[in-house]
């Protein structure tokens, strides 16, 4: 009996454990990478503070879902 040939789908399954190359980041040394992560963390913290400030600025009645707003429109 002749040995089975692997199909292309079997080959792609065998390569699933190989991570794809990094895309989007240029080559950089460790210091540059840390600086990049610090900048990214700062942006995330700033966005979180902005969202928190916006949420705290709303009145409790405006935090409800649209379902409750819809009930307010119905006749008594």
Protein backbone atom coordinates (compact mmCIF):
# COMPACT_ATOMS: atom_id res chain seq x y z
CA UNK A 1 0.00 0.00 0.00
CA UNK A 2 1.38 3.41 -0.97
CA UNK A 3 1.94 5.98 1.81
CA UNK A 4 -0.68 8.70 2.04
CA UNK A 5 0.23 12.16 0.85
CA UNK A 6 -0.68 15.00 3.15
CA UNK A 7 -3.13 17.47 1.77
CA UNK A 8 -2.71 21.21 2.01
CA UNK A 9 -5.34 21.39 4.77
CA UNK A 10 -3.32 18.92 6.84
CA UNK A 11 -0.19 21.00 6.26
CA UNK A 12 -1.93 24.19 7.39
CA UNK A 13 -3.19 22.44 10.52
CA UNK A 14 0.35 21.36 11.35
CA UNK A 15 1.50 25.00 11.11
CA UNK A 16 -1.20 26.36 13.44
CA UNK A 17 1.20 26.32 16.39
CA UNK A 18 3.64 28.64 14.61
CA UNK A 19 2.79 32.25 15.51
CA UNK A 20 2.44 34.70 12.64
CA UNK A 21 5.09 37.42 12.32
CA UNK A 22 4.44 40.66 14.16
CA UNK A 23 2.82 43.26 11.96
CA UNK A 24 2.46 46.96 12.55
CA UNK A 25 5.41 47.55 14.86
CA UNK A 26 8.77 48.53 13.46
CA UNK A 27 11.90 46.79 14.77
CA UNK A 28 12.88 48.34 18.11
CA UNK A 29 15.09 47.74 21.09
CA UNK A 30 13.87 47.02 24.63
CA UNK A 31 13.92 50.67 25.74
CA UNK A 32 11.82 51.75 22.77
CA UNK A 33 9.38 48.91 23.44
CA UNK A 34 8.98 49.96 27.09
CA UNK A 35 8.42 53.57 26.00
CA UNK A 36 5.77 52.37 23.52
CA UNK A 37 3.97 50.40 26.25
CA UNK A 38 4.15 53.34 28.68
CA UNK A 39 2.58 55.59 26.06
CA UNK A 40 -0.11 53.02 25.33
CA UNK A 41 -0.85 52.57 29.05
CA UNK A 42 -1.09 56.34 29.48
CA UNK A 43 -3.59 56.60 26.64
CA UNK A 44 -5.70 53.80 28.11
CA UNK A 45 -5.68 55.45 31.56
CA UNK A 46 -6.66 58.81 30.07
CA UNK A 47 -9.54 57.22 28.16
CA UNK A 48 -10.72 55.39 31.29
CA UNK A 49 -10.69 58.64 33.29
CA UNK A 50 -12.66 60.40 30.55
CA UNK A 51 -15.28 57.65 30.53
CA UNK A 52 -15.50 57.67 34.32
CA UNK A 53 -15.84 61.46 34.41
CA UNK A 54 -18.56 61.33 31.77
CA UNK A 55 -20.45 58.62 33.69
CA UNK A 56 -20.21 60.53 36.98
CA UNK A 57 -21.49 63.69 35.32
CA UNK A 58 -24.76 62.09 34.27
CA UNK A 59 -27.85 62.22 36.45
CA UNK A 60 -29.05 58.90 37.79
CA UNK A 61 -32.23 59.14 35.69
CA UNK A 62 -30.21 59.44 32.48
CA UNK A 63 -28.20 56.31 33.26
CA UNK A 64 -31.23 54.06 32.75
CA UNK A 65 -31.74 51.97 29.68
CA UNK A 66 -33.91 53.03 26.77
CA UNK A 67 -36.53 50.52 27.99
CA UNK A 68 -37.33 52.78 30.94
CA UNK A 69 -37.36 55.84 28.71
CA UNK A 70 -39.86 54.06 26.46
CA UNK A 71 -42.12 53.36 29.47
CA UNK A 72 -42.14 57.07 30.30
CA UNK A 73 -43.65 57.79 26.88
CA UNK A 74 -46.58 55.40 27.27
CA UNK A 75 -49.91 56.83 28.46
CA UNK A 76 -50.74 56.35 32.19
